[in-house]
Amino acid sequence: MCHVFASTDPELFEPQTRSVRIAGVVTSLRLETAFWRIVDDIARSSGMTTGRFLSTLYDEVVELRGEVGNFASLLRVIACRWISGEVSGVAQPKFFAAAIEPPRLVADA
C-alpha cells in the first residue's frame, strides 16, 4: 500500500510560489503543485480566475472572522474538502469562509 504513495510524482509535492493581489496588496503564496491544481479547478468551476477567487475568498473570510490567519493552510483545507466531495459544483467562497468560523457555544435551555 505504501508503494502507491511512495511512488507519487515529485512534481506534485514540489512547492510553487505565485504572486497574487489580495486586498489591493501584491503578496506571494506558496503551495505544493497538487494544491495549486485543485485551487485552479475550484476557481475555474466558479467562473473566476484563480486570482479573483483568492481575493474574493480572502475578503469574505475577513468579513466573517475579522482576520484570515494562515491563508495557505486555509487553501490546503479547502482543496481537501473539494476533492473529498464534501463540497461540489460551483465553488462559493462564502461557503468556505463560513466553514472556518469558530464554533458558537449554545447555552442549555
Protein backbone atom coordinates (compact mmCIF):
# COMPACT_ATOMS: atom_id res chain seq x y z
CA MET A 1 0.00 0.00 0.00
CA CYS A 2 2.76 2.49 0.85
CA HIS A 3 4.21 1.95 -2.63
CA VAL A 4 1.19 3.74 -4.06
CA PHE A 5 2.07 6.81 -2.00
CA ALA A 6 5.85 6.41 -2.20
CA SER A 7 5.68 6.44 -6.00
CA THR A 8 3.92 9.83 -6.10
CA ASP A 9 5.29 12.07 -8.84
CA PRO A 10 7.69 14.52 -7.10
CA GLU A 11 6.31 17.34 -9.25
CA LEU A 12 3.04 17.11 -7.29
CA PHE A 13 4.66 17.96 -3.97
CA GLU A 14 7.12 20.49 -5.37
CA PRO A 15 6.43 23.88 -3.73
CA GLN A 16 5.27 26.56 -6.15
CA THR A 17 5.13 30.25 -5.30
CA ARG A 18 2.67 32.54 -7.03
CA SER A 19 2.32 36.30 -6.76
CA VAL A 20 -1.27 37.39 -6.22
CA ARG A 21 -3.05 40.61 -5.37
CA ILE A 22 -5.10 40.30 -2.19
CA ALA A 23 -6.85 43.24 -0.58
CA GLY A 24 -5.02 45.52 -3.01
CA VAL A 25 -1.59 44.26 -1.98
CA VAL A 26 0.67 42.04 -4.07
CA THR A 27 1.82 39.09 -1.99
CA SER A 28 3.23 35.62 -2.52
CA LEU A 29 1.53 32.34 -1.73
CA ARG A 30 3.43 29.08 -1.61
CA LEU A 31 1.59 25.78 -2.08
CA GLU A 32 2.52 22.41 -3.46
CA THR A 33 1.73 21.95 -7.17
CA ALA A 34 -1.05 19.46 -6.40
CA PHE A 35 -2.84 22.03 -4.23
CA TRP A 36 -2.46 24.78 -6.86
CA ARG A 37 -4.09 22.48 -9.41
CA ILE A 38 -7.08 21.99 -7.13
CA VAL A 39 -7.36 25.70 -6.30
CA ASP A 40 -7.24 26.48 -10.03
CA ASP A 41 -10.03 23.94 -10.59
CA ILE A 42 -12.18 25.47 -7.85
CA ALA A 43 -11.71 28.94 -9.34
CA ARG A 44 -12.50 27.69 -12.85
CA SER A 45 -15.64 25.96 -11.56
CA SER A 46 -16.67 29.27 -10.03
CA GLY A 47 -16.22 31.12 -13.30
CA MET A 48 -13.35 33.14 -11.82
CA THR A 49 -9.66 33.45 -12.39
CA THR A 50 -7.56 32.00 -9.60
CA GLY A 51 -6.51 35.49 -8.56
CA ARG A 52 -10.11 36.67 -8.38
CA PHE A 53 -11.15 33.59 -6.40
CA LEU A 54 -8.31 34.08 -3.89
CA SER A 55 -9.06 37.76 -3.47
CA THR A 56 -12.80 37.17 -3.02
CA LEU A 57 -12.22 34.34 -0.56
CA TYR A 58 -9.75 36.42 1.46
CA ASP A 59 -12.15 39.39 1.63
CA GLU A 60 -15.05 37.21 2.71
CA VAL A 61 -13.04 35.46 5.42
CA VAL A 62 -12.01 38.87 6.78
CA GLU A 63 -15.64 39.97 6.69
CA LEU A 64 -16.75 36.87 8.62
CA ARG A 65 -13.86 36.48 11.07
CA GLY A 66 -12.00 39.77 11.14
CA GLU A 67 -8.75 38.05 10.16
CA VAL A 68 -7.55 35.24 7.94
CA GLY A 69 -4.67 33.69 9.85
CA ASN A 70 -2.69 31.25 7.70
CA PHE A 71 -4.20 31.69 4.23
CA ALA A 72 -2.04 28.97 2.63
CA SER A 73 -3.26 26.47 5.22
CA LEU A 74 -6.84 27.54 4.59
CA LEU A 75 -6.34 26.90 0.87
CA ARG A 76 -4.99 23.41 1.55
CA VAL A 77 -8.00 22.56 3.71
CA ILE A 78 -10.37 23.94 1.07
CA ALA A 79 -8.62 21.83 -1.57
CA CYS A 80 -9.00 18.72 0.58
CA ARG A 81 -12.69 19.43 1.15
CA TRP A 82 -13.18 19.95 -2.59
CA ILE A 83 -11.54 16.71 -3.69
CA SER A 84 -13.15 14.68 -0.89
CA GLY A 85 -16.56 15.61 -2.27
CA GLU A 86 -17.50 17.47 0.89
CA VAL A 87 -18.32 20.40 -1.39
CA SER A 88 -19.02 20.26 -5.11
CA GLY A 89 -20.38 22.19 -8.03
CA VAL A 90 -19.74 25.87 -8.38
CA ALA A 91 -17.44 26.96 -5.61
CA GLN A 92 -18.81 29.69 -3.42
CA PRO A 93 -16.11 31.41 -1.38
CA LYS A 94 -18.65 32.39 1.30
CA PHE A 95 -19.33 28.70 1.87
CA PHE A 96 -15.64 28.03 2.52
CA ALA A 97 -15.25 31.09 4.72
CA ALA A 98 -18.29 30.13 6.78
CA ALA A 99 -16.87 26.65 7.28
CA ILE A 100 -13.94 28.05 9.26
CA GLU A 101 -15.96 30.20 11.62
CA PRO A 102 -15.22 29.37 15.24
CA PRO A 103 -17.89 27.20 16.88
CA ARG A 104 -20.51 29.06 18.85
CA LEU A 105 -21.44 27.87 22.29
CA VAL A 106 -25.14 27.41 22.91
CA ALA A 107 -26.40 27.66 26.46
CA ASP A 108 -28.53 24.76 27.66
CA ALA A 109 -32.20 25.64 27.88
